[in-house]
Amino acid sequence: MTVHVFESEFCTRSYVIATGKGNQHIHWLASTACLLFGQDHYPNGRYVPSLLSNSNGGTPHPRMRINEEFSDGDECTVTLKDRSKPQSEDERRWND
């Protein structure tokens, strides 16, 4: 899968993440993308996913299995948590 990590309009990175059969939870995919972003971005650090959305703009539940929502070669976008901004309703639901 290709995961686009969105920090801001000026900083977006893309990563290809091998998910195998896709039995992991969607939250694992978002967390893995954040880990890669934290290793690749300056300053290095720990980044937390705030929301994962599919290419249709939908926000699957983080406990769904990857193979239930995505197919091989699909793309999604992970938005990083920004504590300086209030959470949207979608972000609040995704984190609950």
Protein backbone atom coordinates (compact mmCIF):
# COMPACT_ATOMS: atom_id res chain seq x y z
CA MET A 1 0.00 0.00 0.00
CA THR A 2 1.03 3.58 -0.50
CA VAL A 3 0.46 5.76 2.54
CA HIS A 4 0.70 9.54 2.29
CA VAL A 5 1.55 11.17 5.61
CA PHE A 6 0.18 14.70 5.82
CA GLU A 7 1.76 16.99 8.40
CA SER A 8 0.91 20.28 6.71
CA GLU A 9 0.32 21.66 3.24
CA PHE A 10 4.09 22.12 3.01
CA CYS A 11 5.17 18.73 4.33
CA THR A 12 3.73 15.51 2.96
CA ARG A 13 5.68 12.29 2.52
CA SER A 14 4.67 9.01 0.89
CA TYR A 15 5.69 5.51 1.90
CA VAL A 16 5.06 2.09 0.40
CA ILE A 17 4.22 -0.27 3.26
CA ALA A 18 4.06 -4.02 2.69
CA THR A 19 1.05 -5.37 4.57
CA GLY A 20 1.25 -9.02 3.53
CA LYS A 21 -2.21 -10.55 3.76
CA GLY A 22 -3.50 -7.42 5.48
CA ASN A 23 -4.59 -9.06 8.72
CA GLN A 24 -3.26 -6.17 10.81
CA HIS A 25 -5.54 -3.44 12.09
CA ILE A 26 -5.77 -0.18 10.17
CA HIS A 27 -4.32 1.58 13.21
CA TRP A 28 -1.13 -0.48 12.71
CA LEU A 29 -0.86 0.91 9.18
CA ALA A 30 -1.25 4.50 10.42
CA SER A 31 1.24 3.97 13.26
CA THR A 32 3.81 2.38 10.93
CA ALA A 33 3.53 5.32 8.54
CA CYS A 34 4.05 7.71 11.47
CA LEU A 35 7.10 5.74 12.60
CA LEU A 36 8.63 5.99 9.11
CA PHE A 37 7.80 9.68 8.97
CA GLY A 38 9.47 10.24 12.36
CA GLN A 39 12.66 8.58 11.12
CA ASP A 40 12.62 10.51 7.83
CA HIS A 41 11.57 13.97 9.00
CA TYR A 42 13.71 16.59 10.71
CA PRO A 43 13.64 16.81 13.64
CA ASN A 44 13.34 13.08 14.22
CA GLY A 45 10.63 12.26 16.68
CA ARG A 46 7.49 10.39 17.51
CA TYR A 47 4.44 11.33 15.54
CA VAL A 48 0.89 10.22 16.33
CA PRO A 49 -1.79 9.54 13.74
CA SER A 50 -4.88 11.65 14.10
CA LEU A 51 -6.87 10.21 11.20
CA LEU A 52 -6.54 7.75 8.32
CA SER A 53 -8.70 8.28 5.27
CA ASN A 54 -9.03 6.15 2.15
CA SER A 55 -8.89 7.46 -1.42
CA ASN A 56 -12.68 8.03 -1.39
CA GLY A 57 -12.40 10.31 1.66
CA GLY A 58 -13.90 7.73 4.01
CA THR A 59 -12.43 7.11 7.44
CA PRO A 60 -12.46 3.40 8.28
CA HIS A 61 -12.52 2.36 11.92
CA PRO A 62 -8.97 1.85 13.25
CA ARG A 63 -9.78 -1.66 14.49
CA MET A 64 -10.88 -2.90 11.07
CA ARG A 65 -8.53 -5.25 9.29
CA ILE A 66 -6.57 -3.75 6.42
CA ASN A 67 -7.82 -6.44 4.01
CA GLU A 68 -11.45 -5.57 4.86
CA GLU A 69 -11.03 -1.98 3.66
CA PHE A 70 -8.16 -1.96 1.14
CA SER A 71 -6.95 -3.98 -1.82
CA ASP A 72 -3.44 -4.48 -3.10
CA GLY A 73 -2.04 -1.22 -4.49
CA ASP A 74 -4.56 1.08 -2.78
CA GLU A 75 -3.60 4.43 -1.31
CA CYS A 76 -4.59 6.19 1.88
CA THR A 77 -3.70 9.36 3.77
CA VAL A 78 -2.64 9.65 7.40
CA THR A 79 -3.06 13.01 9.09
CA LEU A 80 -0.70 13.70 11.98
CA LYS A 81 -1.99 14.89 15.30
CA ASP A 82 -1.53 18.63 15.82
CA ARG A 83 -2.20 19.63 19.41
CA SER A 84 -2.34 23.32 18.48
CA LYS A 85 -5.55 22.76 16.48
CA PRO A 86 -8.90 21.45 17.74
CA GLN A 87 -9.82 17.97 16.56
CA SER A 88 -12.42 17.58 13.85
CA GLU A 89 -15.42 15.34 14.44
CA ASP A 90 -13.86 12.64 12.20
CA GLU A 91 -10.60 12.78 14.18
CA ARG A 92 -12.48 12.54 17.48
CA ARG A 93 -14.45 9.49 16.29
CA TRP A 94 -11.31 7.84 14.87
CA ASN A 95 -9.41 8.25 18.14
CA ASP A 96 -12.24 6.95 20.30
